[in-house]
N, C-alpha and C. Protein backbone atom coordinates (compact mmCIF):
# COMPACT_ATOMS: atom_id res chain seq x y z
N MET A 1 168.01 78.92 -122.68
CA MET A 1 167.96 79.89 -121.60
C MET A 1 166.56 80.44 -121.46
N ARG A 2 166.03 80.44 -120.28
CA ARG A 2 164.69 80.95 -120.05
C ARG A 2 164.73 82.46 -119.90
N LYS A 3 163.79 83.15 -120.53
CA LYS A 3 163.74 84.61 -120.46
C LYS A 3 162.42 85.04 -119.82
N PHE A 4 162.46 86.17 -119.13
CA PHE A 4 161.27 86.68 -118.48
C PHE A 4 161.06 88.13 -118.91
N LEU A 5 159.82 88.48 -119.10
CA LEU A 5 159.48 89.82 -119.52
C LEU A 5 159.47 90.75 -118.32
N PHE A 6 160.41 91.72 -118.30
CA PHE A 6 160.44 92.75 -117.27
C PHE A 6 160.42 92.15 -115.87
N LEU A 7 161.25 91.14 -115.65
CA LEU A 7 161.33 90.54 -114.33
C LEU A 7 162.70 90.74 -113.71
N ILE A 8 163.29 91.90 -113.93
CA ILE A 8 164.56 92.21 -113.30
C ILE A 8 164.29 92.56 -111.84
N PRO A 9 165.02 91.97 -110.87
CA PRO A 9 164.77 92.23 -109.47
C PRO A 9 164.77 93.72 -109.16
N PHE A 10 163.81 94.16 -108.36
CA PHE A 10 163.68 95.57 -108.04
C PHE A 10 164.91 96.10 -107.34
N SER A 11 165.61 95.23 -106.60
CA SER A 11 166.79 95.67 -105.86
C SER A 11 167.85 96.22 -106.78
N LEU A 12 167.87 95.78 -108.04
CA LEU A 12 168.86 96.27 -108.98
C LEU A 12 168.63 97.74 -109.32
N PHE A 13 167.40 98.22 -109.12
CA PHE A 13 167.11 99.60 -109.45
C PHE A 13 167.46 100.54 -108.30
N LEU A 14 167.65 100.01 -107.11
CA LEU A 14 167.86 100.86 -105.95
C LEU A 14 169.29 101.38 -105.87
N CYS A 15 170.23 100.55 -106.27
CA CYS A 15 171.63 100.94 -106.19
C CYS A 15 172.37 100.29 -107.35
N GLU A 16 172.93 101.09 -108.21
CA GLU A 16 173.59 100.56 -109.39
C GLU A 16 175.07 100.87 -109.31
N ALA A 17 175.89 99.86 -109.13
CA ALA A 17 177.32 100.06 -109.04
C ALA A 17 177.90 100.24 -110.44
N ARG A 18 179.11 100.76 -110.48
CA ARG A 18 179.77 100.94 -111.76
C ARG A 18 179.97 99.58 -112.42
N ALA A 19 179.62 99.49 -113.69
CA ALA A 19 179.73 98.23 -114.41
C ALA A 19 181.19 97.81 -114.52
N ALA A 20 181.43 96.53 -114.42
CA ALA A 20 182.79 96.01 -114.54
C ALA A 20 182.73 94.63 -115.15
N LEU A 21 183.79 94.27 -115.83
CA LEU A 21 183.88 92.93 -116.39
C LEU A 21 183.97 91.91 -115.27
N ASN A 22 183.27 90.82 -115.45
CA ASN A 22 183.34 89.70 -114.50
C ASN A 22 184.02 88.54 -115.19
N MET A 23 185.29 88.37 -114.89
CA MET A 23 186.09 87.34 -115.53
C MET A 23 186.26 86.11 -114.64
N THR A 24 185.43 86.01 -113.60
CA THR A 24 185.58 84.95 -112.60
C THR A 24 184.54 83.85 -112.79
N TYR A 25 184.96 82.61 -112.56
CA TYR A 25 184.06 81.46 -112.63
C TYR A 25 184.45 80.47 -111.54
N THR A 26 183.44 79.99 -110.80
CA THR A 26 183.67 79.03 -109.72
C THR A 26 182.84 77.78 -109.97
N MET A 27 183.44 76.62 -109.76
CA MET A 27 182.70 75.38 -109.94
C MET A 27 183.29 74.29 -109.05
N ALA A 28 182.45 73.32 -108.72
CA ALA A 28 182.90 72.14 -107.99
C ALA A 28 183.28 71.08 -109.01
N VAL A 29 184.41 70.39 -108.77
CA VAL A 29 184.87 69.36 -109.70
C VAL A 29 185.00 68.03 -108.96
N GLU A 30 184.69 66.96 -109.66
CA GLU A 30 184.90 65.60 -109.17
C GLU A 30 185.41 64.77 -110.34
N GLN A 31 186.49 64.04 -110.12
CA GLN A 31 187.09 63.30 -111.22
C GLN A 31 187.72 62.02 -110.70
N THR A 32 187.60 60.96 -111.48
CA THR A 32 188.30 59.71 -111.17
C THR A 32 189.25 59.39 -112.32
N ALA A 33 190.35 58.71 -111.99
CA ALA A 33 191.33 58.33 -113.00
C ALA A 33 192.19 57.20 -112.43
N ALA A 34 193.21 56.85 -113.15
CA ALA A 34 194.07 55.75 -112.71
C ALA A 34 194.83 56.08 -111.44
N SER A 35 195.04 57.39 -111.20
CA SER A 35 195.72 57.83 -109.99
C SER A 35 195.14 59.15 -109.52
N ALA A 36 195.45 59.53 -108.29
CA ALA A 36 194.96 60.80 -107.77
C ALA A 36 195.53 61.97 -108.56
N ALA A 37 196.80 61.87 -108.94
CA ALA A 37 197.43 62.94 -109.70
C ALA A 37 196.76 63.11 -111.06
N ALA A 38 196.46 62.01 -111.73
CA ALA A 38 195.80 62.08 -113.03
C ALA A 38 194.39 62.63 -112.89
N ALA A 39 193.70 62.25 -111.80
CA ALA A 39 192.35 62.76 -111.55
C ALA A 39 192.38 64.26 -111.31
N ARG A 40 193.37 64.73 -110.57
CA ARG A 40 193.50 66.17 -110.28
C ARG A 40 193.76 66.95 -111.57
N THR A 41 194.67 66.45 -112.38
CA THR A 41 194.98 67.12 -113.65
C THR A 41 193.74 67.22 -114.54
N ALA A 42 193.01 66.13 -114.64
CA ALA A 42 191.81 66.12 -115.48
C ALA A 42 190.75 67.06 -114.92
N ALA A 43 190.61 67.09 -113.60
CA ALA A 43 189.60 67.94 -112.97
C ALA A 43 189.90 69.42 -113.19
N LEU A 44 191.17 69.81 -113.03
CA LEU A 44 191.54 71.21 -113.20
C LEU A 44 191.45 71.63 -114.67
N ASN A 45 191.80 70.74 -115.57
CA ASN A 45 191.63 71.04 -116.99
C ASN A 45 190.16 71.26 -117.33
N SER A 46 189.31 70.43 -116.72
CA SER A 46 187.87 70.57 -116.94
C SER A 46 187.36 71.89 -116.40
N ALA A 47 187.85 72.31 -115.23
CA ALA A 47 187.43 73.57 -114.64
C ALA A 47 187.87 74.75 -115.49
N ARG A 48 189.10 74.72 -115.98
CA ARG A 48 189.58 75.81 -116.81
C ARG A 48 188.81 75.91 -118.12
N ARG A 49 188.46 74.75 -118.69
CA ARG A 49 187.69 74.74 -119.93
C ARG A 49 186.28 75.31 -119.68
N ALA A 50 185.69 74.94 -118.56
CA ALA A 50 184.35 75.46 -118.22
C ALA A 50 184.41 76.97 -118.00
N ALA A 51 185.48 77.43 -117.35
CA ALA A 51 185.64 78.88 -117.15
C ALA A 51 185.77 79.60 -118.48
N PHE A 52 186.56 79.03 -119.38
CA PHE A 52 186.73 79.62 -120.71
C PHE A 52 185.37 79.79 -121.39
N GLU A 53 184.58 78.73 -121.43
CA GLU A 53 183.30 78.78 -122.13
C GLU A 53 182.31 79.71 -121.45
N ASN A 54 182.19 79.61 -120.12
CA ASN A 54 181.17 80.38 -119.42
C ASN A 54 181.51 81.85 -119.28
N VAL A 55 182.76 82.18 -119.01
CA VAL A 55 183.13 83.58 -118.86
C VAL A 55 183.07 84.30 -120.21
N LEU A 56 183.67 83.73 -121.22
CA LEU A 56 183.71 84.41 -122.52
C LEU A 56 182.34 84.46 -123.18
N SER A 57 181.47 83.52 -122.85
CA SER A 57 180.11 83.56 -123.40
C SER A 57 179.30 84.72 -122.84
N ARG A 58 179.77 85.34 -121.76
CA ARG A 58 179.11 86.53 -121.24
C ARG A 58 179.30 87.72 -122.17
N TYR A 59 180.39 87.70 -122.95
CA TYR A 59 180.77 88.86 -123.75
C TYR A 59 180.93 88.55 -125.24
N ALA A 60 180.58 87.34 -125.64
CA ALA A 60 180.66 86.96 -127.06
C ALA A 60 179.59 85.90 -127.32
N ASP A 61 179.40 85.59 -128.58
CA ASP A 61 178.38 84.61 -128.95
C ASP A 61 178.73 83.23 -128.40
N ARG A 62 177.79 82.64 -127.62
CA ARG A 62 178.08 81.36 -126.96
C ARG A 62 178.38 80.25 -127.97
N ALA A 63 177.64 80.19 -129.05
CA ALA A 63 177.86 79.13 -130.03
C ALA A 63 179.27 79.22 -130.61
N ALA A 64 179.73 80.44 -130.88
CA ALA A 64 181.07 80.62 -131.42
C ALA A 64 182.13 80.21 -130.40
N ILE A 65 181.88 80.54 -129.15
CA ILE A 65 182.82 80.18 -128.08
C ILE A 65 182.88 78.67 -127.91
N GLU A 66 181.75 78.01 -127.97
CA GLU A 66 181.73 76.55 -127.81
C GLU A 66 182.46 75.85 -128.95
N VAL A 67 182.29 76.35 -130.16
CA VAL A 67 183.00 75.78 -131.30
C VAL A 67 184.50 75.97 -131.12
N LEU A 68 184.90 77.17 -130.72
CA LEU A 68 186.32 77.44 -130.52
C LEU A 68 186.89 76.57 -129.41
N ALA A 69 186.15 76.42 -128.32
CA ALA A 69 186.62 75.61 -127.19
C ALA A 69 186.87 74.16 -127.61
N SER A 70 186.03 73.66 -128.50
CA SER A 70 186.17 72.27 -128.93
C SER A 70 187.44 72.04 -129.74
N GLU A 71 188.02 73.12 -130.24
CA GLU A 71 189.22 73.01 -131.08
C GLU A 71 190.50 73.29 -130.30
N LEU A 72 190.36 73.69 -129.02
CA LEU A 72 191.53 74.11 -128.25
C LEU A 72 192.11 72.98 -127.42
N ARG A 73 193.43 73.03 -127.25
CA ARG A 73 194.10 72.14 -126.32
C ARG A 73 193.99 72.71 -124.91
N ASP A 74 194.18 71.87 -123.92
CA ASP A 74 194.15 72.36 -122.54
C ASP A 74 195.21 73.43 -122.32
N ALA A 75 196.36 73.29 -122.96
CA ALA A 75 197.44 74.27 -122.81
C ALA A 75 197.05 75.64 -123.37
N ASP A 76 196.24 75.65 -124.43
CA ASP A 76 195.78 76.92 -125.01
C ASP A 76 194.93 77.69 -124.00
N ILE A 77 194.06 76.97 -123.32
CA ILE A 77 193.17 77.60 -122.35
C ILE A 77 193.95 78.03 -121.12
N LEU A 78 194.92 77.23 -120.71
CA LEU A 78 195.74 77.57 -119.56
C LEU A 78 196.41 78.92 -119.73
N ASN A 79 196.80 79.26 -120.95
CA ASN A 79 197.47 80.53 -121.22
C ASN A 79 196.56 81.74 -120.98
N LEU A 80 195.25 81.51 -120.90
CA LEU A 80 194.31 82.61 -120.69
C LEU A 80 193.93 82.80 -119.22
N VAL A 81 194.40 81.92 -118.36
CA VAL A 81 194.06 81.98 -116.94
C VAL A 81 194.96 82.97 -116.22
N GLY A 82 194.32 83.93 -115.53
CA GLY A 82 195.08 84.87 -114.73
C GLY A 82 195.45 84.30 -113.39
N THR A 83 194.42 83.86 -112.65
CA THR A 83 194.63 83.25 -111.34
C THR A 83 193.68 82.08 -111.16
N MET A 84 194.08 81.16 -110.28
CA MET A 84 193.21 80.03 -109.95
C MET A 84 193.40 79.70 -108.48
N SER A 85 192.30 79.56 -107.76
CA SER A 85 192.37 79.17 -106.36
C SER A 85 191.55 77.91 -106.15
N ILE A 86 192.01 77.07 -105.21
CA ILE A 86 191.38 75.78 -104.98
C ILE A 86 191.03 75.66 -103.50
N ALA A 87 189.81 75.21 -103.23
CA ALA A 87 189.36 75.02 -101.85
C ALA A 87 188.71 73.64 -101.70
N ASP A 88 188.64 73.17 -100.48
CA ASP A 88 187.96 71.90 -100.15
C ASP A 88 188.49 70.73 -100.97
N GLU A 89 189.79 70.67 -101.12
CA GLU A 89 190.38 69.55 -101.87
C GLU A 89 190.24 68.24 -101.11
N ARG A 90 189.87 67.21 -101.85
CA ARG A 90 189.83 65.85 -101.31
C ARG A 90 190.32 64.89 -102.38
N SER A 91 191.09 63.90 -101.95
CA SER A 91 191.58 62.93 -102.92
C SER A 91 191.73 61.57 -102.29
N SER A 92 191.67 60.56 -103.14
CA SER A 92 191.91 59.18 -102.74
C SER A 92 192.87 58.59 -103.75
N ALA A 93 193.01 57.31 -103.77
CA ALA A 93 193.96 56.68 -104.69
C ALA A 93 193.61 56.94 -106.15
N THR A 94 192.31 57.08 -106.43
CA THR A 94 191.90 57.23 -107.83
C THR A 94 190.89 58.37 -108.06
N ALA A 95 190.68 59.22 -107.06
CA ALA A 95 189.66 60.26 -107.20
C ALA A 95 190.16 61.59 -106.65
N TYR A 96 189.53 62.64 -107.16
CA TYR A 96 189.88 64.00 -106.72
C TYR A 96 188.63 64.87 -106.80
N SER A 97 188.46 65.74 -105.79
CA SER A 97 187.35 66.69 -105.81
C SER A 97 187.82 67.99 -105.16
N ALA A 98 187.20 69.09 -105.56
CA ALA A 98 187.56 70.39 -105.01
C ALA A 98 186.58 71.43 -105.53
N THR A 99 186.67 72.64 -104.98
CA THR A 99 185.96 73.80 -105.50
C THR A 99 187.02 74.72 -106.10
N VAL A 100 186.86 75.02 -107.36
CA VAL A 100 187.89 75.77 -108.09
C VAL A 100 187.33 77.12 -108.54
N THR A 101 188.09 78.18 -108.27
CA THR A 101 187.73 79.52 -108.73
C THR A 101 188.80 80.00 -109.69
N ILE A 102 188.38 80.36 -110.88
CA ILE A 102 189.30 80.75 -111.94
C ILE A 102 188.97 82.17 -112.40
N VAL A 103 190.00 82.98 -112.57
CA VAL A 103 189.85 84.32 -113.12
C VAL A 103 190.64 84.38 -114.42
N LEU A 104 189.95 84.61 -115.51
CA LEU A 104 190.64 84.73 -116.79
C LEU A 104 191.32 86.08 -116.89
N ASP A 105 192.44 86.11 -117.57
CA ASP A 105 193.15 87.36 -117.83
C ASP A 105 192.41 88.12 -118.93
N ARG A 106 191.89 89.28 -118.59
CA ARG A 106 191.03 90.02 -119.53
C ARG A 106 191.77 90.35 -120.82
N ASN A 107 192.99 90.88 -120.74
CA ASN A 107 193.72 91.28 -121.93
C ASN A 107 194.06 90.09 -122.81
N ALA A 108 194.48 89.01 -122.18
CA ALA A 108 194.82 87.80 -122.95
C ALA A 108 193.59 87.23 -123.63
N ALA A 109 192.47 87.22 -122.90
CA ALA A 109 191.23 86.68 -123.45
C ALA A 109 190.72 87.53 -124.61
N GLN A 110 190.77 88.84 -124.44
CA GLN A 110 190.29 89.72 -125.50
C GLN A 110 191.15 89.60 -126.75
N LYS A 111 192.47 89.53 -126.59
CA LYS A 111 193.35 89.36 -127.73
C LYS A 111 193.13 88.01 -128.40
N PHE A 112 192.91 86.98 -127.58
CA PHE A 112 192.68 85.64 -128.10
C PHE A 112 191.43 85.61 -128.97
N LEU A 113 190.36 86.24 -128.52
CA LEU A 113 189.13 86.29 -129.31
C LEU A 113 189.33 87.06 -130.60
N ALA A 114 190.05 88.18 -130.50
CA ALA A 114 190.31 88.98 -131.70
C ALA A 114 191.15 88.18 -132.70
N ASP A 115 192.15 87.46 -132.20
CA ASP A 115 193.01 86.67 -133.09
C ASP A 115 192.22 85.56 -133.78
N ASN A 116 191.13 85.11 -133.13
CA ASN A 116 190.30 84.06 -133.70
C ASN A 116 189.04 84.61 -134.37
N HIS A 117 189.03 85.93 -134.57
CA HIS A 117 187.97 86.62 -135.34
C HIS A 117 186.58 86.42 -134.71
N ILE A 118 186.54 86.47 -133.36
CA ILE A 118 185.26 86.37 -132.67
C ILE A 118 184.96 87.73 -132.03
N PRO A 119 183.95 88.46 -132.53
CA PRO A 119 183.59 89.75 -131.93
C PRO A 119 183.24 89.57 -130.45
N ASN A 120 183.61 90.55 -129.64
CA ASN A 120 183.27 90.48 -128.21
C ASN A 120 182.93 91.86 -127.69
N TYR A 121 182.28 91.88 -126.51
CA TYR A 121 181.80 93.12 -125.93
C TYR A 121 182.73 93.69 -124.87
N MET A 122 183.90 93.12 -124.66
CA MET A 122 184.73 93.55 -123.54
C MET A 122 185.12 95.02 -123.63
N GLY A 123 185.36 95.49 -124.83
CA GLY A 123 185.80 96.87 -124.99
C GLY A 123 184.79 97.89 -124.54
N ILE A 124 183.52 97.52 -124.48
CA ILE A 124 182.49 98.48 -124.08
C ILE A 124 182.69 98.96 -122.65
N TYR A 125 183.42 98.19 -121.84
CA TYR A 125 183.60 98.55 -120.44
C TYR A 125 184.76 99.51 -120.22
N ASP A 126 185.52 99.84 -121.24
CA ASP A 126 186.70 100.65 -121.06
C ASP A 126 186.39 102.11 -120.76
N ASP A 127 185.40 102.66 -121.43
CA ASP A 127 185.17 104.10 -121.33
C ASP A 127 183.73 104.47 -120.99
N ILE A 128 182.99 103.56 -120.36
CA ILE A 128 181.58 103.86 -120.11
C ILE A 128 181.36 104.64 -118.82
N GLY A 129 182.41 104.75 -117.99
CA GLY A 129 182.24 105.45 -116.72
C GLY A 129 181.16 104.79 -115.89
N SER A 130 180.18 105.58 -115.49
CA SER A 130 179.10 105.03 -114.66
C SER A 130 177.88 104.63 -115.48
N ARG A 131 177.98 104.65 -116.80
CA ARG A 131 176.86 104.27 -117.65
C ARG A 131 176.62 102.77 -117.58
N THR A 132 175.41 102.37 -117.97
CA THR A 132 175.01 100.96 -117.90
C THR A 132 175.09 100.32 -119.28
N PRO A 133 175.85 99.23 -119.43
CA PRO A 133 175.92 98.56 -120.73
C PRO A 133 174.68 97.71 -120.97
N VAL A 134 174.24 97.67 -122.23
CA VAL A 134 173.08 96.88 -122.64
C VAL A 134 173.44 96.14 -123.92
N PHE A 135 173.07 94.87 -123.98
CA PHE A 135 173.30 94.07 -125.18
C PHE A 135 171.96 93.67 -125.77
N PHE A 136 171.73 94.07 -127.02
CA PHE A 136 170.50 93.74 -127.73
C PHE A 136 170.76 92.54 -128.64
N HIS A 137 169.85 91.57 -128.60
CA HIS A 137 169.91 90.43 -129.50
C HIS A 137 168.78 90.63 -130.52
N VAL A 138 169.13 90.96 -131.75
CA VAL A 138 168.13 91.31 -132.76
C VAL A 138 168.03 90.21 -133.81
N SER A 139 166.85 90.07 -134.38
CA SER A 139 166.62 89.02 -135.39
C SER A 139 166.92 89.51 -136.79
N GLY A 140 167.17 90.82 -136.94
CA GLY A 140 167.47 91.35 -138.26
C GLY A 140 167.40 92.86 -138.25
N LEU A 141 167.79 93.48 -139.33
CA LEU A 141 167.83 94.93 -139.42
C LEU A 141 166.45 95.54 -139.23
N ARG A 142 165.42 94.92 -139.80
CA ARG A 142 164.07 95.45 -139.67
C ARG A 142 163.61 95.42 -138.22
N ASN A 143 163.97 94.36 -137.52
CA ASN A 143 163.64 94.22 -136.10
C ASN A 143 164.28 95.34 -135.28
N TRP A 144 165.55 95.63 -135.54
CA TRP A 144 166.27 96.67 -134.81
C TRP A 144 165.73 98.06 -135.17
N ALA A 145 165.48 98.29 -136.45
CA ALA A 145 164.96 99.59 -136.89
C ALA A 145 163.61 99.89 -136.26
N ALA A 146 162.77 98.86 -136.13
CA ALA A 146 161.44 99.05 -135.53
C ALA A 146 161.58 99.43 -134.06
N LEU A 147 162.54 98.80 -133.36
CA LEU A 147 162.74 99.13 -131.95
C LEU A 147 163.22 100.57 -131.79
N VAL A 148 164.19 100.96 -132.60
CA VAL A 148 164.69 102.34 -132.52
C VAL A 148 163.57 103.33 -132.78
N ARG A 149 162.74 103.04 -133.79
CA ARG A 149 161.62 103.92 -134.11
C ARG A 149 160.65 104.03 -132.94
N ASP A 150 160.32 102.89 -132.31
CA ASP A 150 159.37 102.90 -131.20
C ASP A 150 159.93 103.66 -129.99
N LEU A 151 161.22 103.44 -129.70
CA LEU A 151 161.82 104.12 -128.55
C LEU A 151 161.91 105.63 -128.80
N ARG A 152 162.22 106.01 -130.02
CA ARG A 152 162.29 107.44 -130.34
C ARG A 152 160.91 108.08 -130.25
N ALA A 153 159.90 107.37 -130.77
CA ALA A 153 158.54 107.91 -130.75
C ALA A 153 158.05 108.10 -129.32
N ALA A 154 158.46 107.22 -128.42
CA ALA A 154 158.03 107.31 -127.03
C ALA A 154 158.89 108.27 -126.22
N GLY A 155 159.95 108.80 -126.83
CA GLY A 155 160.84 109.71 -126.12
C GLY A 155 161.87 109.00 -125.26
N ALA A 156 161.83 107.66 -125.26
CA ALA A 156 162.72 106.90 -124.39
C ALA A 156 164.16 106.91 -124.90
N TRP A 157 164.35 106.95 -126.22
CA TRP A 157 165.70 106.91 -126.77
C TRP A 157 166.53 108.09 -126.25
N ALA A 158 165.92 109.28 -126.29
CA ALA A 158 166.63 110.47 -125.81
C ALA A 158 166.68 110.51 -124.29
N ASP A 159 165.59 110.11 -123.65
CA ASP A 159 165.53 110.16 -122.19
C ASP A 159 166.56 109.23 -121.56
N LEU A 160 166.72 108.04 -122.14
CA LEU A 160 167.69 107.08 -121.63
C LEU A 160 169.10 107.35 -122.16
N ASP A 161 169.18 108.25 -123.16
CA ASP A 161 170.45 108.57 -123.81
C ASP A 161 171.12 107.29 -124.32
N VAL A 162 170.38 106.53 -125.14
CA VAL A 162 170.91 105.29 -125.70
C VAL A 162 172.05 105.62 -126.65
N THR A 163 173.20 105.05 -126.40
CA THR A 163 174.38 105.29 -127.23
C THR A 163 174.90 103.96 -127.75
N ILE A 164 174.88 103.78 -129.06
CA ILE A 164 175.33 102.53 -129.65
C ILE A 164 176.85 102.47 -129.64
N SER A 165 177.38 101.34 -129.17
CA SER A 165 178.83 101.14 -129.13
C SER A 165 179.31 100.33 -130.33
N SER A 166 178.56 99.29 -130.68
CA SER A 166 178.97 98.46 -131.81
C SER A 166 177.81 97.62 -132.29
N ILE A 167 177.88 97.19 -133.55
CA ILE A 167 176.91 96.29 -134.14
C ILE A 167 177.67 95.18 -134.85
N TRP A 168 177.46 93.94 -134.39
CA TRP A 168 178.09 92.77 -135.01
C TRP A 168 177.01 91.79 -135.40
N GLY A 169 176.66 91.76 -136.64
CA GLY A 169 175.62 90.84 -137.07
C GLY A 169 174.32 91.13 -136.34
N ARG A 170 173.87 90.18 -135.55
CA ARG A 170 172.62 90.33 -134.81
C ARG A 170 172.84 90.73 -133.36
N GLN A 171 174.03 91.20 -133.04
CA GLN A 171 174.34 91.63 -131.69
C GLN A 171 174.64 93.12 -131.70
N VAL A 172 173.92 93.87 -130.88
CA VAL A 172 174.14 95.31 -130.76
C VAL A 172 174.50 95.63 -129.32
N SER A 173 175.63 96.29 -129.11
CA SER A 173 176.00 96.72 -127.76
C SER A 173 175.81 98.22 -127.66
N ALA A 174 175.32 98.65 -126.51
CA ALA A 174 175.04 100.07 -126.30
C ALA A 174 175.17 100.39 -124.82
N THR A 175 175.04 101.66 -124.49
CA THR A 175 174.98 102.05 -123.08
C THR A 175 173.80 102.99 -122.88
N ILE A 176 173.33 103.04 -121.64
CA ILE A 176 172.27 103.97 -121.27
C ILE A 176 172.71 104.71 -120.01
N ARG A 177 171.98 105.74 -119.64
CA ARG A 177 172.32 106.48 -118.44
C ARG A 177 172.25 105.56 -117.21
N ALA A 178 173.19 105.76 -116.32
CA ALA A 178 173.21 104.96 -115.09
C ALA A 178 171.95 105.22 -114.27
N GLY A 179 171.50 104.18 -113.57
CA GLY A 179 170.33 104.32 -112.70
C GLY A 179 169.01 104.35 -113.43
N ARG A 180 169.00 103.97 -114.70
CA ARG A 180 167.76 104.04 -115.47
C ARG A 180 167.31 102.66 -115.95
N ARG A 181 167.67 101.63 -115.23
CA ARG A 181 167.30 100.27 -115.65
C ARG A 181 165.79 100.08 -115.63
N ALA A 182 165.13 100.61 -114.61
CA ALA A 182 163.68 100.44 -114.52
C ALA A 182 162.99 101.09 -115.72
N GLU A 183 163.42 102.30 -116.04
CA GLU A 183 162.82 103.01 -117.17
C GLU A 183 163.10 102.29 -118.48
N PHE A 184 164.33 101.76 -118.60
CA PHE A 184 164.69 101.01 -119.80
C PHE A 184 163.80 99.78 -119.95
N ALA A 185 163.63 99.03 -118.86
CA ALA A 185 162.81 97.82 -118.91
C ALA A 185 161.36 98.14 -119.28
N LYS A 186 160.83 99.22 -118.74
CA LYS A 186 159.45 99.60 -119.05
C LYS A 186 159.31 99.99 -120.51
N ALA A 187 160.28 100.74 -121.03
CA ALA A 187 160.23 101.15 -122.43
C ALA A 187 160.33 99.94 -123.35
N MET A 188 161.17 99.00 -123.01
CA MET A 188 161.32 97.80 -123.83
C MET A 188 160.07 96.93 -123.75
N GLN A 189 159.48 96.86 -122.57
CA GLN A 189 158.24 96.10 -122.42
C GLN A 189 157.14 96.69 -123.31
N ALA A 190 157.06 98.01 -123.32
CA ALA A 190 156.04 98.66 -124.14
C ALA A 190 156.27 98.39 -125.62
N ALA A 191 157.53 98.16 -126.01
CA ALA A 191 157.84 97.88 -127.41
C ALA A 191 157.72 96.39 -127.73
N GLY A 192 157.37 95.59 -126.72
CA GLY A 192 157.18 94.15 -126.93
C GLY A 192 158.45 93.33 -126.86
N TRP A 193 159.47 93.86 -126.19
CA TRP A 193 160.74 93.15 -126.07
C TRP A 193 160.88 92.52 -124.69
N TRP A 194 161.73 91.47 -124.63
CA TRP A 194 162.08 90.84 -123.37
C TRP A 194 163.32 91.50 -122.80
N VAL A 195 163.36 91.64 -121.50
CA VAL A 195 164.53 92.19 -120.82
C VAL A 195 164.89 91.26 -119.68
N TRP A 196 166.17 90.91 -119.56
CA TRP A 196 166.58 90.04 -118.46
C TRP A 196 168.01 90.37 -118.05
N GLU A 197 168.36 89.92 -116.87
CA GLU A 197 169.70 90.09 -116.33
C GLU A 197 170.42 88.75 -116.41
N GLU A 198 171.62 88.76 -116.97
CA GLU A 198 172.39 87.53 -117.09
C GLU A 198 173.83 87.81 -116.70
N ASN A 199 174.27 87.19 -115.60
CA ASN A 199 175.64 87.41 -115.10
C ASN A 199 175.94 88.89 -114.90
N GLY A 200 174.93 89.62 -114.41
CA GLY A 200 175.13 91.03 -114.14
C GLY A 200 175.05 91.92 -115.35
N ILE A 201 174.67 91.36 -116.50
CA ILE A 201 174.60 92.13 -117.74
C ILE A 201 173.14 92.28 -118.16
N LEU A 202 172.77 93.50 -118.53
CA LEU A 202 171.42 93.76 -118.99
C LEU A 202 171.30 93.38 -120.46
N ARG A 203 170.32 92.52 -120.79
CA ARG A 203 170.14 92.06 -122.16
C ARG A 203 168.70 92.24 -122.60
N ALA A 204 168.51 92.36 -123.89
CA ALA A 204 167.16 92.54 -124.45
C ALA A 204 167.03 91.78 -125.75
N SER A 205 165.84 91.22 -125.97
CA SER A 205 165.60 90.46 -127.19
C SER A 205 164.10 90.44 -127.48
N LYS A 206 163.77 90.06 -128.72
CA LYS A 206 162.36 89.95 -129.10
C LYS A 206 162.16 88.67 -129.90
């Protein structure tokens, strides 16, 4: 994944909507098989698997999600799908194509991750109100301690009202005051950290 230093679009600073989980994934599928029905089944299974990996990777470690996905049956993933809509369907005797939009069931997905002992950030959205969630990717305790020290020394920690929600290994989830993304990015830049937007989520790393 390519990262950019303080290159969050300025438009994000002008109007900040209340943060919400994005459990939706859309993709185009094309599949061939011995029959149109078999091609359709394979295509939709592929779309659901892609939704599982891409949606849950927004809120949990991607490597862990990919390992888990490789061990799951198609039926396991189907149980996590809330809704699925299909557009632009086309089929022939041995081929199928469509645009598929899948929404994972948040509660089912969160329970599934917990049952498989994979920490996730979904809970941070329950009680944040209008605050902005931030996910820090740290290389170690010393790395995180240095950042906290620098932000406190600059007055940014208090000004942004950084509130830690959880720490899982090298992943730290927190919230900051709403409407302060620009100030957060500047403070992180001054501390030598990268800040980027990914799937509507503010992330930081060094």
